[in-house]
Amino acid sequence: MTAPRRALIATTALVGALTATMPVAAATSAPSAAPAAGRSVLPARAVPLRTAAVGGTGLHWLMRPGQRELVVDVVDRTGWAWPVRAASREWATAHVRYRYGPSCRPGMPCVVVREGWYGLTGWSGVTHATPGQMQTLTGTVQVQLNDSYRMSAGEHRAVACHELGHALGLDHDSRTSSCLQAQPHAIAPDGLDRAGLEAMYRLG
């Protein structure tokens, strides 16, 4: 039996690619790097940035007929520098929200967020998912946040917001007011981001 295909659905990166088929890779800029205590932090490179088109990744969590709210568990395995809990709250809409908790509940949609010193990868965040039937998200979505680049508190918040948006099935957006911009400056989704999320999941 072959292992299920695990697809890269989006990144916050230096280089951009975009999404017609799986695996999907979309990107935002990794900021400059500087040495940190006890770690060798690699420098960033000047790489041209391409943003992705507005729209979905083509993947979404399954909503059952009559289900009025999508609740996705988010398990935070990062340290104090990554404001994952605050970023997850920003994605709440009338019919979609993250539930911040210590573990994934059995049978529930779940996103696990980890940080690590991944090196000069060209991305500051990346989201991986396993596509199921009809392009649904199955199993656990994995988000990796890269500590190898020096970032401000606002940049950490923007990257966390960006990747959690991808974990819900949203793609890059070119608007500067959106944290889904390929090189995000906004630390939260804007009204159009939330409207797109509602359009994906409002089935009840």
C-alpha atoms as a PDB file:
ATOM      1  CA  MET A   1       0.000   0.000   0.000  1.00  0.00           C
ATOM      2  CA  THR A   2       1.390   3.362  -0.905  1.00  0.00           C
ATOM      3  CA  ALA A   3       1.379   6.171   1.623  1.00  0.00           C
ATOM      4  CA  PRO A   4      -1.204   8.932   1.046  1.00  0.00           C
ATOM      5  CA  ARG A   5       0.089  11.825  -1.008  1.00  0.00           C
ATOM      6  CA  ARG A   6       0.948  14.805   1.164  1.00  0.00           C
ATOM      7  CA  ALA A   7       0.698  18.011  -0.794  1.00  0.00           C
ATOM      8  CA  LEU A   8       2.379  21.314  -0.247  1.00  0.00           C
ATOM      9  CA  ILE A   9      -0.565  23.688  -0.465  1.00  0.00           C
ATOM     10  CA  ALA A  10       1.032  27.017   0.283  1.00  0.00           C
ATOM     11  CA  THR A  11       4.067  28.795   1.625  1.00  0.00           C
ATOM     12  CA  THR A  12       5.070  32.160   2.933  1.00  0.00           C
ATOM     13  CA  ALA A  13       8.225  32.419   0.894  1.00  0.00           C
ATOM     14  CA  LEU A  14      10.756  34.340  -1.124  1.00  0.00           C
ATOM     15  CA  VAL A  15       9.739  32.779  -4.391  1.00  0.00           C
ATOM     16  CA  GLY A  16       6.259  32.305  -5.721  1.00  0.00           C
ATOM     17  CA  ALA A  17       4.617  29.616  -7.710  1.00  0.00           C
ATOM     18  CA  LEU A  18       0.958  29.021  -8.182  1.00  0.00           C
ATOM     19  CA  THR A  19      -1.855  26.690  -8.074  1.00  0.00           C
ATOM     20  CA  ALA A  20      -3.534  24.915 -10.877  1.00  0.00           C
ATOM     21  CA  THR A  21      -2.889  21.339  -9.885  1.00  0.00           C
ATOM     22  CA  MET A  22      -1.654  19.551  -6.798  1.00  0.00           C
ATOM     23  CA  PRO A  23       0.771  19.931  -5.245  1.00  0.00           C
ATOM     24  CA  VAL A  24       0.107  23.638  -4.906  1.00  0.00           C
ATOM     25  CA  ALA A  25       2.822  26.032  -3.869  1.00  0.00           C
ATOM     26  CA  ALA A  26       2.219  29.711  -3.233  1.00  0.00           C
ATOM     27  CA  ALA A  27       4.635  32.092  -1.634  1.00  0.00           C
ATOM     28  CA  THR A  28       5.486  35.152   0.439  1.00  0.00           C
ATOM     29  CA  SER A  29       8.779  36.771   1.245  1.00  0.00           C
ATOM     30  CA  ALA A  30      11.015  35.589   4.031  1.00  0.00           C
ATOM     31  CA  PRO A  31      12.548  38.624   5.736  1.00  0.00           C
ATOM     32  CA  SER A  32      16.200  39.303   6.411  1.00  0.00           C
ATOM     33  CA  ALA A  33      18.070  37.199   8.894  1.00  0.00           C
ATOM     34  CA  ALA A  34      20.498  37.989  11.701  1.00  0.00           C
ATOM     35  CA  PRO A  35      22.370  35.907  14.279  1.00  0.00           C
ATOM     36  CA  ALA A  36      20.458  34.887  17.369  1.00  0.00           C
ATOM     37  CA  ALA A  37      21.697  33.551  20.670  1.00  0.00           C
ATOM     38  CA  GLY A  38      22.768  29.949  20.316  1.00  0.00           C
ATOM     39  CA  ARG A  39      21.730  29.711  16.677  1.00  0.00           C
ATOM     40  CA  SER A  40      23.300  30.391  13.315  1.00  0.00           C
ATOM     41  CA  VAL A  41      20.696  32.341  11.384  1.00  0.00           C
ATOM     42  CA  LEU A  42      21.101  32.307   7.639  1.00  0.00           C
ATOM     43  CA  PRO A  43      20.881  35.506   5.578  1.00  0.00           C
ATOM     44  CA  ALA A  44      17.949  36.159   3.293  1.00  0.00           C
ATOM     45  CA  ARG A  45      18.358  36.443  -0.454  1.00  0.00           C
ATOM     46  CA  ALA A  46      16.947  39.078  -2.767  1.00  0.00           C
ATOM     47  CA  VAL A  47      14.555  37.040  -4.883  1.00  0.00           C
ATOM     48  CA  PRO A  48      11.813  38.535  -7.080  1.00  0.00           C
ATOM     49  CA  LEU A  49       8.396  38.105  -5.544  1.00  0.00           C
ATOM     50  CA  ARG A  50       5.377  36.853  -7.459  1.00  0.00           C
ATOM     51  CA  THR A  51       1.954  36.901  -5.872  1.00  0.00           C
ATOM     52  CA  ALA A  52      -0.696  34.316  -6.434  1.00  0.00           C
ATOM     53  CA  ALA A  53      -4.085  34.914  -7.964  1.00  0.00           C
ATOM     54  CA  VAL A  54      -7.070  35.554  -5.737  1.00  0.00           C
ATOM     55  CA  GLY A  55      -9.107  32.434  -4.981  1.00  0.00           C
ATOM     56  CA  GLY A  56      -9.005  29.131  -3.152  1.00  0.00           C
ATOM     57  CA  THR A  57      -6.343  26.466  -3.121  1.00  0.00           C
ATOM     58  CA  GLY A  58      -8.971  24.058  -4.401  1.00  0.00           C
ATOM     59  CA  LEU A  59      -8.942  22.275  -1.032  1.00  0.00           C
ATOM     60  CA  HIS A  60     -11.500  22.613   1.741  1.00  0.00           C
ATOM     61  CA  TRP A  61     -12.634  20.912   4.912  1.00  0.00           C
ATOM     62  CA  LEU A  62     -15.710  18.720   4.536  1.00  0.00           C
ATOM     63  CA  MET A  63     -19.017  20.245   5.637  1.00  0.00           C
ATOM     64  CA  ARG A  64     -21.921  17.863   6.076  1.00  0.00           C
ATOM     65  CA  PRO A  65     -25.418  18.802   4.849  1.00  0.00           C
ATOM     66  CA  GLY A  66     -27.096  20.820   7.573  1.00  0.00           C
ATOM     67  CA  GLN A  67     -23.830  21.550   9.393  1.00  0.00           C
ATOM     68  CA  ARG A  68     -23.937  25.227  10.370  1.00  0.00           C
ATOM     69  CA  GLU A  69     -20.422  25.783  11.668  1.00  0.00           C
ATOM     70  CA  LEU A  70     -16.957  24.522  10.796  1.00  0.00           C
ATOM     71  CA  VAL A  71     -14.742  24.222  13.885  1.00  0.00           C
ATOM     72  CA  VAL A  72     -11.090  23.403  13.183  1.00  0.00           C
ATOM     73  CA  ASP A  73      -8.802  22.440  16.057  1.00  0.00           C
ATOM     74  CA  VAL A  74      -5.490  24.294  16.112  1.00  0.00           C
ATOM     75  CA  VAL A  75      -2.661  22.789  18.156  1.00  0.00           C
ATOM     76  CA  ASP A  76       0.183  25.200  18.823  1.00  0.00           C
ATOM     77  CA  ARG A  77       3.660  23.665  19.133  1.00  0.00           C
ATOM     78  CA  THR A  78       5.481  26.995  18.831  1.00  0.00           C
ATOM     79  CA  GLY A  79       7.090  29.257  21.404  1.00  0.00           C
ATOM     80  CA  TRP A  80       6.298  32.773  22.544  1.00  0.00           C
ATOM     81  CA  ALA A  81       7.544  34.490  19.364  1.00  0.00           C
ATOM     82  CA  TRP A  82       4.778  33.067  17.173  1.00  0.00           C
ATOM     83  CA  PRO A  83       1.323  34.459  18.128  1.00  0.00           C
ATOM     84  CA  VAL A  84      -0.616  31.486  16.778  1.00  0.00           C
ATOM     85  CA  ARG A  85      -3.491  31.767  19.247  1.00  0.00           C
ATOM     86  CA  ALA A  86      -4.081  35.442  18.470  1.00  0.00           C
ATOM     87  CA  ALA A  87      -3.836  34.798  14.725  1.00  0.00           C
ATOM     88  CA  SER A  88      -6.308  31.916  14.926  1.00  0.00           C
ATOM     89  CA  ARG A  89      -8.902  34.159  16.591  1.00  0.00           C
ATOM     90  CA  GLU A  90      -8.706  36.591  13.672  1.00  0.00           C
ATOM     91  CA  TRP A  91     -10.142  33.985  11.293  1.00  0.00           C
ATOM     92  CA  ALA A  92     -13.457  33.600  13.141  1.00  0.00           C
ATOM     93  CA  THR A  93     -16.566  34.260  11.017  1.00  0.00           C
ATOM     94  CA  ALA A  94     -20.243  33.495  11.475  1.00  0.00           C
ATOM     95  CA  HIS A  95     -19.760  29.905  10.276  1.00  0.00           C
ATOM     96  CA  VAL A  96     -16.038  29.154  10.655  1.00  0.00           C
ATOM     97  CA  ARG A  97     -13.676  29.279  13.620  1.00  0.00           C
ATOM     98  CA  TYR A  98     -10.527  27.753  15.031  1.00  0.00           C
ATOM     99  CA  ARG A  99     -10.606  25.988  18.402  1.00  0.00           C
ATOM    100  CA  TYR A 100      -7.277  26.461  20.177  1.00  0.00           C
ATOM    101  CA  GLY A 101      -6.427  23.412  22.275  1.00  0.00           C
ATOM    102  CA  PRO A 102      -3.695  21.033  23.463  1.00  0.00           C
ATOM    103  CA  SER A 103      -4.431  18.221  21.005  1.00  0.00           C
ATOM    104  CA  CYS A 104      -6.478  17.182  17.997  1.00  0.00           C
ATOM    105  CA  ARG A 105      -9.871  15.752  18.892  1.00  0.00           C
ATOM    106  CA  PRO A 106     -10.584  12.383  17.248  1.00  0.00           C
ATOM    107  CA  GLY A 107     -12.332  12.728  13.926  1.00  0.00           C
ATOM    108  CA  MET A 108     -12.220  16.527  13.939  1.00  0.00           C
ATOM    109  CA  PRO A 109     -10.498  18.828  11.430  1.00  0.00           C
ATOM    110  CA  CYS A 110      -7.134  19.787  12.894  1.00  0.00           C
ATOM    111  CA  VAL A 111      -4.147  22.011  12.147  1.00  0.00           C
ATOM    112  CA  VAL A 112      -0.846  21.487  13.979  1.00  0.00           C
ATOM    113  CA  VAL A 113       1.565  24.436  13.940  1.00  0.00           C
ATOM    114  CA  ARG A 114       5.282  23.917  14.589  1.00  0.00           C
ATOM    115  CA  GLU A 115       8.332  26.149  14.480  1.00  0.00           C
ATOM    116  CA  GLY A 116      11.853  25.093  13.586  1.00  0.00           C
ATOM    117  CA  TRP A 117      15.242  26.171  12.274  1.00  0.00           C
ATOM    118  CA  TYR A 118      14.624  25.026   8.725  1.00  0.00           C
ATOM    119  CA  GLY A 119      17.464  27.037   7.187  1.00  0.00           C
ATOM    120  CA  LEU A 120      17.673  29.143   4.054  1.00  0.00           C
ATOM    121  CA  THR A 121      14.614  27.605   2.453  1.00  0.00           C
ATOM    122  CA  GLY A 122      13.234  30.784   0.882  1.00  0.00           C
ATOM    123  CA  TRP A 123      10.085  30.583   3.014  1.00  0.00           C
ATOM    124  CA  SER A 124       9.163  31.797   6.471  1.00  0.00           C
ATOM    125  CA  GLY A 125       6.062  29.602   6.666  1.00  0.00           C
ATOM    126  CA  VAL A 126       4.688  26.588   4.813  1.00  0.00           C
ATOM    127  CA  THR A 127       1.433  24.599   4.972  1.00  0.00           C
ATOM    128  CA  HIS A 128       1.118  20.896   4.051  1.00  0.00           C
ATOM    129  CA  ALA A 129      -2.108  18.935   3.637  1.00  0.00           C
ATOM    130  CA  THR A 130      -3.364  15.581   2.402  1.00  0.00           C
ATOM    131  CA  PRO A 131      -6.030  15.965  -0.298  1.00  0.00           C
ATOM    132  CA  GLY A 132      -8.907  13.518  -0.105  1.00  0.00           C
ATOM    133  CA  GLN A 133     -11.854  12.831  -2.371  1.00  0.00           C
ATOM    134  CA  MET A 134     -13.392  15.876  -4.066  1.00  0.00           C
ATOM    135  CA  GLN A 135     -10.423  17.985  -2.958  1.00  0.00           C
ATOM    136  CA  THR A 136     -11.361  17.834   0.708  1.00  0.00           C
ATOM    137  CA  LEU A 137      -8.742  18.237   3.416  1.00  0.00           C
ATOM    138  CA  THR A 138      -8.237  15.021   5.359  1.00  0.00           C
ATOM    139  CA  GLY A 139      -6.214  14.052   8.391  1.00  0.00           C
ATOM    140  CA  THR A 140      -4.139  16.775   9.996  1.00  0.00           C
ATOM    141  CA  VAL A 141      -2.879  19.865   8.194  1.00  0.00           C
ATOM    142  CA  GLN A 142       0.713  20.696   9.156  1.00  0.00           C
ATOM    143  CA  VAL A 143       2.032  24.276   9.335  1.00  0.00           C
ATOM    144  CA  GLN A 144       5.773  24.940   9.678  1.00  0.00           C
ATOM    145  CA  LEU A 145       7.068  28.362  10.752  1.00  0.00           C
ATOM    146  CA  ASN A 146      10.723  29.066  10.031  1.00  0.00           C
ATOM    147  CA  ASP A 147      12.889  30.530  12.806  1.00  0.00           C
ATOM    148  CA  SER A 148      15.886  30.953  10.504  1.00  0.00           C
ATOM    149  CA  TYR A 149      14.903  34.471   9.468  1.00  0.00           C
ATOM    150  CA  ARG A 150      14.934  37.553  11.673  1.00  0.00           C
ATOM    151  CA  MET A 151      11.409  38.942  11.909  1.00  0.00           C
ATOM    152  CA  SER A 152       9.634  41.607  13.908  1.00  0.00           C
ATOM    153  CA  ALA A 153       6.646  40.799  16.115  1.00  0.00           C
ATOM    154  CA  GLY A 154       4.358  42.128  13.395  1.00  0.00           C
ATOM    155  CA  GLU A 155       5.987  39.936  10.759  1.00  0.00           C
ATOM    156  CA  HIS A 156       5.576  36.863  12.972  1.00  0.00           C
ATOM    157  CA  ARG A 157       1.894  37.731  13.366  1.00  0.00           C
ATOM    158  CA  ALA A 158       1.452  38.281   9.623  1.00  0.00           C
ATOM    159  CA  VAL A 159       3.053  34.935   8.720  1.00  0.00           C
ATOM    160  CA  ALA A 160       0.977  33.051  11.318  1.00  0.00           C
ATOM    161  CA  CYS A 161      -2.214  34.668  10.010  1.00  0.00           C
ATOM    162  CA  HIS A 162      -1.172  33.881   6.433  1.00  0.00           C
ATOM    163  CA  GLU A 163      -0.557  30.174   7.015  1.00  0.00           C
ATOM    164  CA  LEU A 164      -3.713  29.687   9.088  1.00  0.00           C
ATOM    165  CA  GLY A 165      -5.669  31.160   6.183  1.00  0.00           C
ATOM    166  CA  HIS A 166      -4.095  28.605   3.846  1.00  0.00           C
ATOM    167  CA  ALA A 167      -4.969  25.832   6.313  1.00  0.00           C
ATOM    168  CA  LEU A 168      -8.637  26.755   5.845  1.00  0.00           C
ATOM    169  CA  GLY A 169      -8.303  26.468   2.052  1.00  0.00           C
ATOM    170  CA  LEU A 170      -7.697  30.096   1.065  1.00  0.00           C
ATOM    171  CA  ASP A 171      -5.039  31.088  -1.454  1.00  0.00           C
ATOM    172  CA  HIS A 172      -2.949  34.225  -1.861  1.00  0.00           C
ATOM    173  CA  ASP A 173      -4.578  37.584  -2.420  1.00  0.00           C
ATOM    174  CA  SER A 174      -2.998  40.665  -3.967  1.00  0.00           C
ATOM    175  CA  ARG A 175      -4.643  43.181  -1.623  1.00  0.00           C
ATOM    176  CA  THR A 176      -2.268  44.902   0.821  1.00  0.00           C
ATOM    177  CA  SER A 177      -5.027  44.872   3.454  1.00  0.00           C
ATOM    178  CA  SER A 178      -5.012  41.057   3.509  1.00  0.00           C
ATOM    179  CA  CYS A 179      -2.613  38.851   5.470  1.00  0.00           C
ATOM    180  CA  LEU A 180      -2.958  36.454   2.524  1.00  0.00           C
ATOM    181  CA  GLN A 181      -0.922  38.773   0.342  1.00  0.00           C
ATOM    182  CA  ALA A 182       2.068  36.812  -0.947  1.00  0.00           C
ATOM    183  CA  GLN A 183       4.404  39.107   0.988  1.00  0.00           C
ATOM    184  CA  PRO A 184       2.114  39.972   3.902  1.00  0.00           C
ATOM    185  CA  HIS A 185       2.277  43.146   5.949  1.00  0.00           C
ATOM    186  CA  ALA A 186      -1.247  42.986   7.354  1.00  0.00           C
ATOM    187  CA  ILE A 187      -1.457  41.080  10.630  1.00  0.00           C
ATOM    188  CA  ALA A 188      -5.086  40.022  10.177  1.00  0.00           C
ATOM    189  CA  PRO A 189      -7.484  38.984   7.424  1.00  0.00           C
ATOM    190  CA  ASP A 190      -9.651  41.760   6.018  1.00  0.00           C
ATOM    191  CA  GLY A 191     -13.375  41.732   5.339  1.00  0.00           C
ATOM    192  CA  LEU A 192     -12.998  40.210   1.891  1.00  0.00           C
ATOM    193  CA  ASP A 193     -10.877  37.359   3.299  1.00  0.00           C
ATOM    194  CA  ARG A 194     -13.612  36.559   5.796  1.00  0.00           C
ATOM    195  CA  ALA A 195     -16.286  36.876   3.119  1.00  0.00           C
ATOM    196  CA  GLY A 196     -14.389  34.367   0.967  1.00  0.00           C
ATOM    197  CA  LEU A 197     -14.203  31.988   3.903  1.00  0.00           C
ATOM    198  CA  GLU A 198     -17.944  32.321   4.510  1.00  0.00           C
ATOM    199  CA  ALA A 199     -18.648  31.635   0.837  1.00  0.00           C
ATOM    200  CA  MET A 200     -16.626  28.402   1.016  1.00  0.00           C
ATOM    201  CA  TYR A 201     -18.284  27.000   4.119  1.00  0.00           C
ATOM    202  CA  ARG A 202     -21.773  28.489   4.517  1.00  0.00           C
ATOM    203  CA  LEU A 203     -23.916  25.428   3.800  1.00  0.00           C
ATOM    204  CA  GLY A 204     -26.336  25.316   6.723  1.00  0.00           C
END
